[in-house]
Protein backbone atom coordinates (compact mmCIF):
# COMPACT_ATOMS: atom_id res chain seq x y z
CA MET A 1 -36.37 -11.45 -5.76
CA ASN A 2 -33.30 -9.31 -5.22
CA PRO A 3 -30.45 -10.40 -2.98
CA TYR A 4 -30.61 -7.15 -1.01
CA PRO A 5 -33.04 -4.26 -0.76
CA PRO A 6 -31.56 -0.81 -1.49
CA GLU A 7 -31.34 0.01 2.23
CA THR A 8 -29.11 -3.00 2.83
CA LEU A 9 -26.87 -2.14 -0.13
CA ILE A 10 -26.54 1.41 1.20
CA GLU A 11 -25.51 0.09 4.60
CA LEU A 12 -23.00 -2.34 3.07
CA PHE A 13 -21.41 0.36 0.90
CA GLN A 14 -21.26 2.73 3.88
CA THR A 15 -19.55 0.06 5.99
CA SER A 16 -16.91 -0.74 3.39
CA HIS A 17 -16.42 2.99 2.79
CA ALA A 18 -15.63 3.55 6.47
CA VAL A 19 -13.16 0.65 6.45
CA ILE A 20 -11.43 1.99 3.33
CA HIS A 21 -10.89 5.36 4.99
CA ARG A 22 -9.49 3.69 8.10
CA GLN A 23 -7.07 1.69 5.97
CA LEU A 24 -5.96 4.85 4.12
CA LYS A 25 -5.30 6.85 7.30
CA ASP A 26 -1.74 8.19 7.33
CA VAL A 27 -0.76 6.34 4.13
CA THR A 28 1.37 8.56 1.90
CA GLN A 29 1.26 8.66 -1.88
CA GLU A 30 4.66 6.95 -1.99
CA GLU A 31 3.51 4.20 0.38
CA SER A 32 0.35 3.70 -1.66
CA LEU A 33 2.51 2.65 -4.61
CA MET A 34 4.45 -0.08 -2.79
CA GLN A 35 4.05 -3.34 -4.68
CA PRO A 36 3.46 -6.58 -2.77
CA PRO A 37 6.18 -9.24 -3.11
CA PHE A 38 3.64 -11.54 -4.76
CA ARG A 39 1.32 -11.24 -7.75
CA GLY A 40 -1.01 -8.37 -7.07
CA ASN A 41 -1.08 -4.63 -7.19
CA CYS A 42 -0.46 -1.68 -4.89
CA LEU A 43 -2.87 0.03 -2.51
CA ASN A 44 -3.32 2.97 -4.87
CA TRP A 45 -4.44 0.64 -7.66
CA VAL A 46 -6.84 -1.24 -5.38
CA VAL A 47 -8.52 2.00 -4.30
CA GLY A 48 -8.81 3.14 -7.92
CA HIS A 49 -10.15 -0.28 -8.87
CA ILE A 50 -12.80 -0.07 -6.15
CA LEU A 51 -13.85 3.21 -7.75
CA THR A 52 -14.25 1.49 -11.15
CA GLY A 53 -16.79 -0.83 -9.53
CA ARG A 54 -18.60 2.07 -7.94
CA ASP A 55 -18.64 3.81 -11.32
CA ASP A 56 -20.28 0.72 -12.80
CA CYS A 57 -22.97 0.93 -10.11
CA LEU A 58 -23.48 4.63 -10.77
CA GLY A 59 -23.76 4.02 -14.50
CA PHE A 60 -26.50 1.44 -14.01
CA MET A 61 -28.40 4.05 -11.99
CA GLY A 62 -28.00 6.73 -14.69
CA GLN A 63 -25.38 8.75 -12.84
CA ASN A 64 -22.02 10.07 -14.02
CA ALA A 65 -18.77 8.31 -13.20
CA VAL A 66 -16.34 9.82 -10.69
CA LEU A 67 -13.24 8.58 -12.52
CA THR A 68 -12.06 9.96 -15.83
CA GLU A 69 -11.80 7.57 -18.78
CA GLU A 70 -8.00 7.64 -18.39
CA GLU A 71 -8.32 6.66 -14.72
CA ARG A 72 -10.81 3.91 -15.53
CA GLU A 73 -8.33 2.47 -18.01
CA ARG A 74 -5.48 2.62 -15.48
CA TYR A 75 -7.46 0.94 -12.70
CA LYS A 76 -9.55 -1.56 -14.66
CA ARG A 77 -9.40 -5.30 -14.16
CA GLY A 78 -6.34 -6.81 -15.78
CA SER A 79 -4.44 -3.54 -16.12
CA GLU A 80 -0.67 -3.49 -15.63
CA ALA A 81 0.79 -3.16 -12.15
CA LEU A 82 0.87 0.50 -11.19
CA THR A 83 4.59 1.13 -10.72
CA ASP A 84 5.04 4.55 -12.36
CA PRO A 85 4.33 7.31 -9.83
CA GLY A 86 3.57 9.65 -12.73
CA LYS A 87 0.63 7.49 -13.81
CA ALA A 88 -0.92 7.07 -10.37
CA SER A 89 -3.75 9.32 -9.28
CA PRO A 90 -2.99 11.09 -6.00
CA LEU A 91 -4.31 9.00 -3.12
CA ASP A 92 -5.96 12.08 -1.61
CA ASP A 93 -7.87 12.62 -4.87
CA LEU A 94 -8.99 9.00 -4.90
CA ALA A 95 -10.20 9.37 -1.31
CA LEU A 96 -12.26 12.42 -2.29
CA LYS A 97 -13.71 10.49 -5.23
CA LEU A 98 -14.64 7.70 -2.83
CA ASP A 99 -16.62 10.22 -0.78
CA ASP A 100 -18.30 11.61 -3.89
CA SER A 101 -19.14 8.13 -5.17
CA LEU A 102 -20.67 7.08 -1.84
CA GLU A 103 -22.85 10.17 -1.79
CA ARG A 104 -24.07 9.40 -5.30
CA LEU A 105 -24.55 5.69 -4.52
CA VAL A 106 -26.75 6.51 -1.53
CA ILE A 107 -28.88 8.86 -3.63
CA GLY A 108 -29.13 6.43 -6.54
CA LEU A 109 -29.91 3.40 -4.41
CA SER A 110 -32.49 5.35 -2.39
CA GLU A 111 -34.38 6.14 -5.59
CA LEU A 112 -34.52 2.56 -6.92
CA SER A 113 -37.94 0.97 -7.02
CA PRO A 114 -38.49 -2.78 -6.69
CA GLU A 115 -39.26 -2.81 -10.43
CA ALA A 116 -35.99 -1.06 -11.23
CA LEU A 117 -34.07 -3.68 -9.26
CA GLN A 118 -35.64 -6.38 -11.46
CA ARG A 119 -34.66 -4.60 -14.68
CA GLU A 120 -32.31 -6.71 -16.75
CA VAL A 121 -28.87 -5.21 -17.35
CA VAL A 122 -25.71 -6.59 -18.90
CA PHE A 123 -22.58 -6.72 -16.80
CA ALA A 124 -19.38 -8.55 -17.80
CA ARG A 125 -21.21 -9.68 -20.94
CA LYS A 126 -23.86 -11.47 -18.85
CA PRO A 127 -27.48 -10.38 -18.44
CA GLY A 128 -29.01 -10.26 -15.00
CA PRO A 129 -31.31 -8.24 -12.75
CA LEU A 130 -29.92 -4.89 -11.64
CA GLY A 131 -30.33 -5.86 -7.98
CA GLY A 132 -28.15 -8.92 -8.46
CA VAL A 133 -25.50 -6.97 -10.33
CA LEU A 134 -25.39 -4.32 -7.60
CA ALA A 135 -25.08 -7.05 -4.95
CA PHE A 136 -22.20 -8.62 -6.90
CA LEU A 137 -20.45 -5.26 -7.25
CA ASN A 138 -20.79 -4.72 -3.51
CA TRP A 139 -19.23 -8.15 -2.88
CA HIS A 140 -16.45 -7.23 -5.33
CA GLU A 141 -15.77 -4.05 -3.37
CA ALA A 142 -15.65 -5.97 -0.08
CA TYR A 143 -13.17 -8.44 -1.59
CA HIS A 144 -10.80 -5.60 -2.47
CA VAL A 145 -11.36 -3.78 0.83
CA GLY A 146 -9.95 -6.91 2.50
CA GLN A 147 -6.79 -6.56 0.42
CA LEU A 148 -6.24 -3.04 1.75
CA GLU A 149 -5.43 -4.38 5.22
CA LEU A 150 -2.48 -6.37 3.88
CA LEU A 151 -1.34 -3.52 1.66
CA ARG A 152 -1.47 -1.13 4.63
CA GLN A 153 0.73 -3.54 6.59
CA LEU A 154 3.15 -3.61 3.66
CA THR A 155 3.80 0.10 4.26
CA GLY A 156 5.13 -0.72 7.74
CA LYS A 157 2.04 0.42 9.61
CA ASN A 158 1.88 -2.47 12.03
CA ASP A 159 -1.56 -1.70 13.39
CA GLN A 160 -5.06 -3.07 13.45
CA VAL A 161 -7.63 -0.62 12.20
CA ILE A 162 -10.56 -3.03 12.42
CA ARG A 163 -11.39 -4.48 15.81
């Protein structure tokens, strides 16, 4: 039994995608690099990191990644805080890659059979059914989407984009 059928995963990714775009509205590249005053990373890094998770999903479905290997390295779990503007991908480019990744996720998830969701894959050195791994990666994305609200506020945009 899978935690979610493909249709539910599609809806969940579409929902978080819409929230991400609302959180990115009117944020400049410079603002996206503002570091929080506590352990964490900037908005730009969080968006790139969300894309690493989406790339993992795409890979499990036999699709190409949207990030380059260099970008994946920069935005992977445990990477250094992104403080050098020269190393940060442009926020507008990341937003376009989010759109591309969602399009590919919808296609890939739509094509998954119940048998494919039961297929064992290895993620984070642990075996598990593809459906469970995809559900975890969706949860992981939602966790980081929640961080974007605080990082948006850090830029001085004292608004509420989710009501």
